[in-house]
Protein backbone atom coordinates (compact mmCIF):
# COMPACT_ATOMS: atom_id res chain seq x y z
CA MET A 1 32.00 69.59 154.29
CA PRO A 2 32.74 71.63 157.39
CA THR A 3 36.11 70.82 158.89
CA PRO A 4 36.10 70.31 162.66
CA TYR A 5 38.82 72.04 164.59
CA SER A 6 39.31 73.08 168.17
CA PRO A 7 38.31 76.66 168.99
CA ARG A 8 41.23 78.83 170.01
CA SER A 9 42.54 82.35 169.80
CA PRO A 10 42.65 83.55 166.20
CA TYR A 11 46.15 84.92 166.66
CA PRO A 12 48.07 82.54 168.93
CA SER A 13 51.49 83.44 170.21
CA PRO A 14 54.21 82.00 167.96
CA GLY A 15 55.55 80.10 170.96
CA GLY A 16 58.99 80.15 172.55
CA ASP A 17 61.01 83.07 173.81
CA PRO A 18 60.84 86.46 172.09
CA GLY A 19 63.26 86.56 169.17
CA GLU A 20 63.49 82.77 169.02
CA SER A 21 62.82 82.05 165.36
CA ASP A 22 61.89 78.74 163.78
CA GLU A 23 65.36 78.57 162.29
CA SER A 24 67.08 79.17 165.61
CA LEU A 25 64.99 76.39 167.15
CA ALA A 26 65.82 74.14 164.21
CA ALA A 27 69.54 74.81 164.69
CA ARG A 28 69.32 73.10 168.07
CA LEU A 29 68.18 69.92 166.37
CA ARG A 30 71.43 69.73 164.44
CA GLY A 31 73.96 67.91 166.58
CA ARG A 32 72.96 69.44 169.91
CA PRO A 33 72.35 67.66 173.25
CA GLU A 34 69.09 65.76 173.58
CA GLY A 35 67.63 68.19 176.09
CA GLU A 36 67.99 71.16 173.76
CA ALA A 37 66.58 69.14 170.86
CA ALA A 38 63.54 68.22 172.96
CA HIS A 39 62.93 71.90 173.76
CA SER A 40 63.06 72.79 170.05
CA VAL A 41 60.64 70.02 169.09
CA ALA A 42 58.24 71.13 171.81
CA MET A 43 58.34 74.78 170.69
CA LEU A 44 57.94 73.95 167.00
CA THR A 45 55.04 71.64 167.85
CA THR A 46 53.36 74.41 169.83
CA ARG A 47 53.62 76.73 166.85
CA HIS A 48 52.57 74.48 164.01
CA TRP A 49 50.68 71.43 165.29
CA PRO A 50 47.18 73.03 165.35
CA ALA A 51 47.34 74.08 161.70
CA MET A 52 48.77 70.71 160.68
CA HIS A 53 46.03 68.87 162.55
CA ASP A 54 43.36 71.06 160.93
CA TYR A 55 44.70 70.19 157.50
CA ALA A 56 44.93 66.50 158.40
CA THR A 57 41.21 66.54 159.17
CA VAL A 58 40.64 68.13 155.76
CA CYS A 59 42.73 65.54 153.92
CA LEU A 60 41.09 62.65 155.78
CA ALA A 61 37.61 64.20 155.83
CA SER A 62 37.62 63.07 159.46
CA SER A 63 38.71 64.41 162.84
CA GLY A 64 39.21 60.94 164.33
CA PRO A 65 42.43 59.49 165.80
CA ALA A 66 43.99 59.07 162.36
CA ALA A 67 44.32 62.86 162.04
CA ALA A 68 46.68 62.99 165.02
CA MET A 69 48.64 60.03 163.66
CA VAL A 70 49.07 61.70 160.28
CA THR A 71 50.07 64.98 161.91
CA ALA A 72 52.72 63.30 164.06
CA ALA A 73 54.12 61.30 161.13
CA ALA A 74 54.33 64.37 158.90
CA GLN A 75 56.01 66.46 161.61
CA HIS A 76 58.51 63.68 162.30
CA ARG A 77 59.35 63.46 158.58
CA VAL A 78 59.95 67.21 158.21
CA LEU A 79 61.89 67.67 161.45
CA ASN A 80 64.17 64.80 160.50
CA ARG A 81 65.02 66.66 157.31
CA VAL A 82 65.50 69.88 159.27
CA ALA A 83 67.88 68.08 161.64
CA LEU A 84 69.93 67.07 158.59
CA GLY A 85 70.27 70.68 157.47
CA GLU A 86 67.11 71.63 155.57
CA PRO A 87 66.23 75.31 156.26
CA ALA A 88 63.28 76.02 158.57
CA VAL A 89 62.63 79.59 157.45
CA ALA A 90 59.16 78.98 155.96
CA LEU A 91 58.16 75.89 157.89
CA ARG A 92 54.35 76.06 157.89
CA PRO A 93 53.67 75.33 154.18
CA VAL A 94 56.34 72.60 154.20
CA LEU A 95 54.66 70.89 157.16
CA LEU A 96 51.23 71.13 155.54
CA VAL A 97 52.47 69.61 152.28
CA ALA A 98 54.00 66.79 154.34
CA VAL A 99 50.56 66.17 155.90
CA ARG A 100 48.96 65.95 152.46
CA ASP A 101 51.64 63.64 151.09
CA THR A 102 51.47 61.40 154.15
CA VAL A 103 47.73 60.91 153.75
CA ARG A 104 48.13 60.18 150.07
CA GLU A 105 50.95 57.68 150.64
CA TRP A 106 49.09 55.87 153.41
CA ALA A 107 45.90 55.76 151.35
CA SER A 108 47.84 54.34 148.41
CA ASP A 109 49.11 51.44 150.53
CA ASP A 110 46.42 48.75 150.80
CA ARG A 111 47.70 47.46 154.14
CA SER A 112 47.69 50.92 155.71
CA ALA A 113 44.25 51.65 154.30
CA GLY A 114 42.97 48.37 155.71
CA ALA A 115 44.30 49.21 159.16
CA LEU A 116 42.93 52.78 159.09
CA PRO A 117 39.39 52.88 157.62
CA GLU A 118 39.50 56.69 157.83
CA LEU A 119 41.80 56.59 154.78
CA LEU A 120 39.00 55.17 152.63
CA LYS A 121 36.64 58.16 152.48
CA PRO A 122 35.90 59.37 148.93
CA ALA A 123 36.33 63.00 149.99
CA GLY A 124 39.60 62.12 151.76
CA GLY A 125 42.31 59.52 151.30
CA ARG A 126 40.52 57.47 148.65
CA GLY A 127 39.95 60.56 146.52
CA MET A 128 43.57 61.64 146.95
CA ARG A 129 44.73 58.17 145.94
CA ALA A 130 42.75 58.45 142.67
CA ALA A 131 43.80 62.01 141.88
CA ARG A 132 46.33 62.57 139.14
CA THR A 133 48.04 65.51 140.76
CA MET A 134 47.74 67.61 143.88
CA THR A 135 48.32 70.89 142.02
CA PRO A 136 45.46 72.07 139.77
CA GLU A 137 46.35 72.96 136.20
CA ASN A 138 45.07 76.50 136.70
CA ARG A 139 47.56 77.07 139.53
CA THR A 140 50.73 76.02 137.70
CA LEU A 141 52.20 79.51 137.40
CA ALA A 142 51.55 80.41 141.04
CA HIS A 143 52.94 77.06 142.20
CA ARG A 144 56.18 77.61 140.32
CA SER A 145 56.50 81.25 141.38
CA PHE A 146 55.84 80.63 145.07
CA ARG A 147 58.34 77.78 145.15
CA SER A 148 61.06 80.06 143.76
CA LEU A 149 60.60 82.77 146.41
CA PRO A 150 63.12 83.21 149.24
CA GLY A 151 62.13 81.63 152.55
CA LEU A 152 61.37 84.97 154.24
CA ALA A 153 58.97 85.93 151.45
CA ARG A 154 57.19 82.57 151.56
CA CYS A 155 56.81 82.81 155.33
CA VAL A 156 55.25 86.29 155.44
CA LEU A 157 53.00 85.62 152.45
CA TRP A 158 51.73 82.38 153.90
CA HIS A 159 50.94 83.68 157.37
CA VAL A 160 49.47 87.03 156.33
CA GLU A 161 47.63 86.03 153.15
CA VAL A 162 46.69 82.40 153.79
CA GLU A 163 46.38 82.25 157.57
CA ALA A 164 45.08 85.85 157.73
CA GLU A 165 47.31 86.60 160.71
CA PRO A 166 48.85 89.99 161.55
CA VAL A 167 52.37 90.54 160.28
CA SER A 168 53.68 90.25 163.84
CA VAL A 169 53.13 86.47 163.68
CA PRO A 170 55.54 85.74 160.80
CA ALA A 171 57.88 88.35 162.28
CA GLY A 172 58.03 86.24 165.45
CA LEU A 173 58.55 83.02 163.50
CA LEU A 174 61.37 84.67 161.56
CA GLY A 175 62.88 86.46 164.56
CA ILE A 176 62.76 89.86 162.84
CA ASP A 177 61.21 93.24 163.60
CA ALA A 178 57.57 93.68 162.54
CA ASP A 179 58.47 96.74 160.42
CA ILE A 180 61.04 94.66 158.53
CA ALA A 181 58.44 91.93 158.06
CA SER A 182 55.99 94.50 156.65
CA GLY A 183 58.56 95.65 154.12
CA THR A 184 59.33 92.05 153.23
CA LEU A 185 55.62 91.43 152.69
CA ARG A 186 55.24 94.32 150.25
CA GLN A 187 58.27 93.18 148.29
CA ALA A 188 57.17 89.53 148.41
CA ARG A 189 53.81 90.31 146.82
CA GLU A 190 55.47 92.04 143.89
CA THR A 191 58.15 89.36 143.49
CA PHE A 192 55.48 86.65 143.58
CA ARG A 193 53.52 88.44 140.85
CA GLN A 194 56.60 88.92 138.69
CA GLY A 195 57.39 85.23 139.12
CA CYS A 196 53.94 84.32 137.79
CA LEU A 197 54.49 86.56 134.77
CA GLN A 198 57.91 85.07 134.15
CA ALA A 199 56.50 81.55 134.40
CA HIS A 200 53.74 82.51 131.95
CA GLN A 201 56.39 83.76 129.53
CA GLU A 202 58.68 80.75 129.88
CA LEU A 203 56.00 78.06 129.74
CA ALA A 204 53.96 79.77 127.01
CA PRO A 205 52.88 77.30 124.31
CA THR A 206 52.83 79.88 121.48
CA LYS A 207 54.38 83.18 120.44
CA ASP A 208 50.99 84.85 120.85
CA CYS A 209 50.89 83.81 124.50
CA ARG A 210 54.28 85.41 125.10
CA PHE A 211 53.22 88.54 123.19
CA TYR A 212 50.12 89.03 125.36
CA ASN A 213 52.07 88.63 128.60
CA ARG A 214 52.28 92.34 129.46
CA LEU A 215 48.91 93.12 127.86
CA LEU A 216 47.38 90.80 130.46
CA ASP A 217 49.35 92.14 133.40
CA VAL A 218 48.85 95.89 133.06
CA PRO A 219 45.02 96.02 132.77
CA ILE A 220 44.61 93.49 135.57
CA ARG A 221 46.96 95.48 137.79
CA ARG A 222 45.11 98.72 137.08
CA GLY A 223 41.60 97.28 137.12
CA GLY A 224 41.01 98.32 133.53
CA THR A 225 39.53 96.62 130.47
CA LEU A 226 41.33 94.05 128.37
CA LEU A 227 41.96 94.99 124.76
CA PRO A 228 39.65 93.30 122.21
CA ASP A 229 42.44 91.23 120.67
CA VAL A 230 43.49 90.05 124.14
CA GLN A 231 39.91 89.03 124.89
CA GLN A 232 39.79 87.13 121.60
CA HIS A 233 43.03 85.34 122.47
CA LEU A 234 41.70 84.38 125.90
CA ALA A 235 38.57 82.95 124.32
CA GLU A 236 40.77 80.56 122.36
CA CYS A 237 43.63 79.88 124.81
CA ARG A 238 43.00 78.06 128.08
CA TYR A 239 46.62 78.55 129.16
CA CYS A 240 46.27 82.35 129.09
CA ARG A 241 42.78 82.26 130.63
CA ASN A 242 44.33 80.42 133.56
CA ALA A 243 47.15 82.96 133.72
CA ALA A 244 44.70 85.89 133.74
CA GLU A 245 42.67 84.29 136.53
CA GLN A 246 45.78 83.73 138.64
CA LEU A 247 46.97 87.30 138.15
CA SER A 248 43.53 88.60 139.13
CA HIS A 249 44.00 87.25 142.66
CA PHE A 250 46.70 89.84 143.31
CA GLU A 251 43.92 92.44 143.28
CA GLY A 252 41.71 90.41 145.62
CA ASP A 253 42.14 87.26 147.69
CA LEU A 254 45.80 86.37 147.25
CA GLY A 255 45.63 83.80 150.06
CA THR A 256 43.30 81.57 148.05
CA LEU A 257 45.70 81.55 145.11
CA ILE A 258 48.67 80.66 147.33
CA ALA A 259 46.85 77.92 149.24
CA GLU A 260 45.52 76.30 146.07
CA ALA A 261 48.94 76.49 144.41
CA VAL A 262 50.85 75.00 147.35
CA LEU A 263 48.34 72.55 148.82
CA GLY A 264 45.96 71.89 145.95
CA TRP A 265 43.84 69.25 147.64
CA GLY A 266 41.40 70.67 150.16
CA ALA A 267 42.87 74.17 149.98
CA ARG A 268 39.50 75.92 150.27
CA ARG A 269 38.47 73.79 153.23
CA TYR A 270 41.78 74.52 154.93
CA LEU A 271 41.22 78.24 154.39
CA ASP A 272 37.77 77.94 155.95
CA SER A 273 39.35 76.38 159.02
CA ARG A 274 41.68 79.32 159.69
CA PRO A 275 40.66 81.29 162.78
CA GLY A 276 41.89 84.57 161.30
CA ARG A 277 39.57 84.22 158.32
CA ALA A 278 36.57 83.45 160.49
CA THR A 279 37.08 86.42 162.81
CA PRO A 280 34.80 89.40 162.11
CA GLY A 281 36.10 92.93 162.17
CA PRO A 282 39.00 94.78 160.62
CA ARG A 283 41.61 92.11 161.46
CA GLY A 284 39.88 89.06 160.08
CA GLY A 285 38.52 87.71 156.87
CA ARG A 286 38.79 89.46 153.52
CA ALA A 287 38.70 92.91 155.04
CA ALA A 288 41.83 92.13 157.01
CA ARG A 289 43.68 90.79 153.99
CA ARG A 290 42.93 93.89 151.98
CA GLY A 291 43.77 96.10 154.94
CA HIS A 292 47.24 94.60 155.21
CA ARG A 293 48.15 96.00 151.80
CA SER A 294 50.01 99.25 151.58
CA GLY A 295 47.70 102.08 150.61
CA GLY A 296 44.69 100.04 151.56
CA GLY A 297 44.91 97.80 148.50
CA ARG A 298 42.27 97.37 145.84
CA SER A 299 38.76 96.31 146.51
CA GLY A 300 37.52 93.03 145.16
CA GLY A 301 35.19 94.98 142.86
CA SER A 302 37.92 96.00 140.44
CA ARG A 303 38.91 92.39 140.07
CA HIS A 304 35.32 91.39 139.32
CA ARG A 305 34.92 94.17 136.78
CA LEU A 306 38.02 93.00 134.94
CA LEU A 307 37.23 89.30 135.06
CA SER A 308 33.75 89.92 133.76
CA ARG A 309 35.47 90.99 130.54
CA ILE A 310 37.52 87.81 130.24
CA PRO A 311 35.64 85.78 127.63
CA ALA A 312 34.39 82.35 128.51
CA PRO A 313 35.94 79.45 126.56
CA PRO A 314 34.02 78.31 123.46
CA ARG A 315 31.49 75.54 123.76
CA LEU A 316 33.24 72.17 123.73
CA THR A 317 31.91 68.99 122.20
CA GLY A 318 33.09 65.43 121.87
CA LEU A 319 33.64 64.91 125.60
CA GLY A 320 31.61 61.74 125.75
CA ARG A 321 29.08 63.94 127.59
CA PRO A 322 27.48 66.22 124.94
CA ASP A 323 25.93 68.46 127.56
CA ALA A 324 29.04 68.78 129.71
CA VAL A 325 28.99 72.57 129.49
CA ARG A 326 25.38 72.81 130.66
CA SER A 327 26.58 72.56 134.25
CA THR A 328 27.72 76.18 133.91
CA ARG A 329 24.21 77.43 133.11
CA THR A 330 23.26 78.27 136.68
CA LEU A 331 26.54 80.08 137.28
CA LEU A 332 26.18 82.19 134.17
CA THR A 333 22.55 83.02 134.95
CA GLY A 334 23.30 83.99 138.55
CA LEU A 335 26.33 86.16 137.90
CA GLY A 336 25.95 87.31 134.32
CA ALA A 337 29.74 87.28 133.98
CA VAL A 338 32.28 85.02 135.63
CA SER A 339 35.99 84.55 135.88
CA ALA A 340 37.41 82.29 133.21
CA GLY A 341 39.27 80.36 135.88
CA VAL A 342 36.06 79.63 137.76
CA LEU A 343 34.37 78.57 134.55
CA VAL A 344 37.16 76.15 133.73
CA SER A 345 36.85 74.69 137.22
CA VAL A 346 33.12 74.17 136.66
CA LEU A 347 33.84 72.47 133.35
CA ILE A 348 36.36 70.17 134.98
CA ALA A 349 34.02 69.31 137.81
CA GLY A 350 30.92 69.03 135.60
CA GLY A 351 29.36 65.59 135.50
CA SER A 352 31.32 64.26 138.49
CA PRO A 353 29.44 62.73 141.40
CA SER A 354 28.02 65.25 143.83
CA ASP A 355 29.17 63.19 146.78
CA GLY A 356 32.77 63.92 145.91
CA SER A 357 33.79 60.31 145.29
CA GLY A 358 37.09 60.12 143.53
CA THR A 359 37.66 63.85 143.59
CA ASP A 360 38.38 66.65 145.96
CA PRO A 361 35.08 68.48 146.60
CA THR A 362 36.96 71.74 146.21
CA GLY A 363 37.63 70.93 142.59
CA ALA A 364 41.36 71.15 143.16
CA THR A 365 42.16 67.90 141.36
CA SER A 366 40.65 65.49 138.89
CA ALA A 367 40.19 61.77 139.15
CA ALA A 368 42.64 59.43 137.55
CA ASP A 369 40.12 58.03 135.12
CA GLY A 370 40.11 61.37 133.30
CA ARG A 371 36.36 62.03 133.54
CA GLY A 372 35.52 65.69 133.36
CA VAL A 373 38.93 66.76 132.05
CA VAL A 374 38.55 69.14 129.13
CA PRO A 375 40.53 67.76 126.18
CA THR A 376 42.24 70.18 123.84
CA GLU A 377 44.27 69.54 120.73
CA SER A 378 47.96 69.82 121.54
CA PRO A 379 50.11 72.10 119.40
CA PRO A 380 52.92 70.49 117.38
CA GLY A 381 55.73 69.19 119.51
CA VAL A 382 53.98 69.29 122.87
CA ALA A 383 55.17 66.47 125.09
CA GLY A 384 52.33 65.96 127.57
CA LEU A 385 53.95 63.48 129.92
CA PRO A 386 51.52 61.34 131.92
CA THR A 387 51.13 62.41 135.54
CA GLY A 388 50.08 59.01 136.82
CA PRO A 389 51.88 55.68 137.07
CA GLU A 390 51.25 54.78 133.41
CA PRO A 391 54.65 54.54 131.62
CA ALA A 392 55.57 56.26 128.37
CA LEU A 393 58.48 56.56 125.99
CA LEU A 394 60.37 59.84 125.52
CA ARG A 395 61.09 60.46 121.82
CA ASN A 396 63.49 63.23 120.82
CA ILE A 397 61.96 65.39 118.08
CA ALA A 398 65.18 66.13 116.19
CA SER A 399 66.38 62.52 115.97
CA GLY A 400 63.21 60.45 116.30
CA LEU A 401 65.09 58.24 118.80
CA CYS A 402 64.06 57.46 122.38
CA LEU A 403 65.67 58.00 125.75
CA ASP A 404 67.26 54.77 127.00
CA THR A 405 69.77 53.66 129.63
CA ARG A 406 73.24 52.27 129.02
CA GLY A 407 73.08 48.69 130.23
CA GLU A 408 71.34 47.43 133.37
CA PRO A 409 69.58 50.25 135.25
CA GLN A 410 71.40 50.98 138.51
CA ASP A 411 72.68 53.97 140.44
CA GLY A 412 75.14 55.79 138.16
CA THR A 413 74.06 54.17 134.88
CA GLY A 414 74.30 56.61 131.97
CA THR A 415 71.57 57.47 129.49
CA ARG A 416 71.55 57.60 125.69
CA LEU A 417 69.46 57.78 122.53
CA ALA A 418 68.35 54.48 121.04
CA GLY A 419 65.85 53.14 118.56
CA CYS A 420 62.41 53.17 120.18
CA SER A 421 61.09 49.89 121.54
CA SER A 422 58.94 48.61 124.37
CA ARG A 423 61.82 47.43 126.58
CA LEU A 424 61.66 48.52 130.19
CA SER A 425 64.83 50.61 130.06
CA GLN A 426 63.01 53.05 127.75
CA GLN A 427 59.89 53.39 129.90
CA TRP A 428 59.49 56.38 132.23
CA THR A 429 56.83 57.91 134.45
CA TYR A 430 56.55 61.61 135.21
CA GLU A 431 55.17 62.21 138.70
CA GLU A 432 53.33 65.28 139.94
CA ASP A 433 56.35 66.44 141.94
CA GLY A 434 58.58 66.47 138.84
CA LEU A 435 60.35 63.12 139.25
CA LEU A 436 61.21 61.26 136.05
CA ARG A 437 61.22 57.69 137.35
CA SER A 438 62.57 54.58 135.59
CA VAL A 439 60.00 51.82 135.15
CA ALA A 440 62.82 49.24 135.02
CA ASP A 441 63.77 50.23 138.60
CA PRO A 442 61.22 52.58 140.23
CA GLY A 443 63.74 53.52 142.91
CA LEU A 444 65.86 55.27 140.28
CA CYS A 445 65.24 58.64 138.62
CA LEU A 446 66.98 60.76 135.99
CA ASP A 447 69.64 62.89 137.72
CA ALA A 448 70.90 65.92 135.82
CA HIS A 449 73.40 67.09 138.44
CA LYS A 450 75.30 64.04 139.65
CA ASP A 451 77.83 63.55 136.85
CA ALA A 452 78.98 66.99 135.67
CA GLY A 453 76.16 67.61 133.25
CA VAL A 454 75.78 64.05 131.97
CA VAL A 455 72.32 62.69 132.77
CA VAL A 456 72.48 59.42 134.72
CA LEU A 457 70.24 57.29 136.90
CA ALA A 458 70.35 57.97 140.63
CA THR A 459 68.27 57.20 143.68
CA CYS A 460 65.07 59.23 143.72
CA ALA A 461 64.99 61.93 146.43
CA ASP A 462 62.11 63.13 148.57
CA ALA A 463 60.97 66.69 148.01
CA GLY A 464 62.66 67.97 151.17
CA GLU A 465 66.10 66.45 150.57
CA SER A 466 69.05 68.64 149.63
CA ARG A 467 69.36 66.95 146.23
CA ALA A 468 65.62 66.94 145.51
CA ASP A 469 65.90 69.34 142.54
CA ASP A 470 68.70 67.24 140.99
CA VAL A 471 66.11 64.61 140.02
CA ARG A 472 63.16 66.88 139.26
CA TYR A 473 62.13 68.62 136.08
CA ASP A 474 59.59 71.15 134.89
CA LEU A 475 57.97 70.38 131.55
CA THR A 476 57.20 73.24 129.17
CA GLU A 477 54.45 73.01 126.61
CA GLN A 478 57.14 72.97 123.93
CA GLY A 479 58.28 69.63 125.34
CA GLU A 480 61.46 70.88 127.07
CA LEU A 481 62.57 69.21 130.30
CA LEU A 482 64.15 71.84 132.56
CA PRO A 483 66.08 70.70 135.64
CA ARG A 484 64.78 72.48 138.72
CA TRP A 485 68.25 73.21 140.05
CA ASP A 486 68.77 75.53 137.05
CA GLU A 487 65.88 76.17 134.67
CA GLN A 488 68.11 78.01 132.21
CA LEU A 489 69.27 74.52 131.20
CA ALA A 490 67.48 71.73 129.35
CA LEU A 491 67.79 67.97 128.92
CA VAL A 492 69.19 67.26 125.44
CA PRO A 493 71.07 64.54 123.51
CA ALA A 494 74.72 65.39 122.85
CA ALA A 495 74.11 64.55 119.18
CA PRO A 496 71.05 63.51 117.13
CA ASP A 497 72.49 60.03 116.66
CA ALA A 498 71.92 56.60 118.17
CA ASN A 499 74.02 55.96 121.29
CA ALA A 500 74.55 59.71 121.93
CA ASP A 501 74.76 60.68 125.61
CA ILE A 502 71.90 62.60 127.23
CA VAL A 503 73.33 65.77 128.76
CA ILE A 504 72.34 69.15 130.16
CA ARG A 505 72.94 72.26 128.06
CA VAL A 506 71.87 75.89 128.02
CA ARG A 507 68.24 76.13 126.96
CA ASP A 508 67.99 77.37 123.36
CA ARG A 509 64.41 76.27 122.46
CA SER A 510 65.65 74.19 119.52
CA GLU A 511 63.98 70.98 118.34
CA ASN A 512 66.93 69.03 119.69
CA GLN A 513 65.78 69.99 123.20
CA ARG A 514 62.16 68.94 122.71
CA TRP A 515 60.61 65.58 123.55
CA LEU A 516 57.40 63.80 122.59
CA THR A 517 55.79 60.91 124.40
CA GLU A 518 53.94 57.89 123.15
CA PRO A 519 52.29 54.99 124.94
CA VAL A 520 54.48 51.95 125.37
CA SER A 521 51.92 49.85 123.50
CA SER A 522 52.51 51.89 120.32
CA ALA A 523 56.29 51.98 120.57
CA GLN A 524 56.73 50.25 117.21
CA ASP A 525 54.65 52.83 115.35
CA VAL A 526 56.35 55.67 113.51
CA LEU A 527 55.38 58.98 115.09
CA SER A 528 54.85 61.95 112.79
CA ILE A 529 56.98 64.75 114.20
CA GLY A 530 55.69 67.42 111.84
CA ARG A 531 52.14 67.52 113.16
CA PRO A 532 50.35 66.80 116.44
CA ARG A 533 48.92 63.41 117.14
CA THR A 534 45.16 63.18 116.82
CA PRO A 535 43.67 61.72 120.01
CA ALA A 536 41.60 58.61 119.60
CA ALA A 537 37.87 58.99 120.15
CA GLY A 538 37.10 59.23 123.82
CA SER A 539 40.75 59.61 124.86
CA VAL A 540 42.14 62.53 126.81
CA GLU A 541 45.36 64.21 125.84
CA PRO A 542 47.18 65.99 128.69
CA ALA A 543 47.13 69.72 128.14
CA GLY A 544 49.25 72.46 129.61
CA PRO A 545 52.49 72.40 131.58
CA VAL A 546 53.02 69.87 134.34
CA THR A 547 54.99 70.81 137.42
């Protein structure tokens, strides 16, 4: 649906005095007199409120009063964290994510939803409430890579590629010379791409996926043809099809990839609301984004020529909807050849209501009931933690024992291996932001940094807090849990014996560092470690890495 927003200049002044960066304004919030703090809040609001409000209307599917309320609440949340010391170098994407999370939290609270009917729209808050995750599966690599970039790189990429603004805008927000910002932009694009390749290598489910890493990158970069064996691999591997589709955006519309990776929900509608993208001429829209590249960049045609050679996934059956793939017929007929990433999106969206109920109309997320999710058989040892509130047990592959707490769950309680059971101390939920939360006390999460490498329970931290990565993990398809504060480490039992401590050690890809999950209801069953579980008829097994 079209997103209403107030008409304004496509390239507004960053606000504030020349050379006054977001970070310098933020510094005045940290222990300075009230008058200076008020000036900083006013300047930061001038710079970022319009974009935040635009995205609030996207998330709510409404431009009513609730959009301003959400915008104000999200800004207050972020600026409070900034006042406590969080950097403000790449503030825009942080503020937009806060808008999204605020809408989702309010929509998930029945009292708030009752007070604000605007939270109940299927294409807005109600759909977000039902969604499993805000980050699409086919944007996992870009999400991880963008998050690892330095603040300066994130700032210039966001404003030039996503907002389609001239490089002078992020230069003003950063308080640096425009020539320096241009150099930072060129380097940021390459670093972002290399981060996607590294993530593809590290999260790869098989040796073949790792082998084809460079064979994917080079032809896509050069606009050439994929080798026949690479095409065959892509036809069989959804993980690598997604990787190829993400890499293809570096030769075309990089802003779409970044927005979908960072925001997920409503990313396309937010992009449509950006004044710089709607402006005709050499400084707006796709022409402007290609023109910002050094050497003029590549045309979108080379990307299309390459993606037309990426094979479509094989026909899938057993979805409970035998004709689920037929929804791609029109796309295939109209284009003749399509990107594998687009085809996967069509498969995921196929059969869902056309009015958008329960899902984001952009196809960025899937509903919690699992309809339309393409099931694939998991390779041996894949964990596949649930991304919703449903609890699960974590079983260590080497020992066959489960992750448990030592005594009553409370802040500082240690963790251990124990015989698997259905008791609450062994039940965990993995949330879309990487939190591993205890079901026995949902305010507590696994903390890999608090006690010198020994994993303990600690209070869960919001994404913007300084210790946020201490309680967050990335899950590889091999079943490794990597702490975000250092992903060269992995969560592992100190010994494959009952009562052994759970600790953090250097990642070595051994079975001792791999975890399987099982539903709490089947905790008494013996799980075969040597082969993958066979999903029950009609069930959906999570596939791919979760971040």
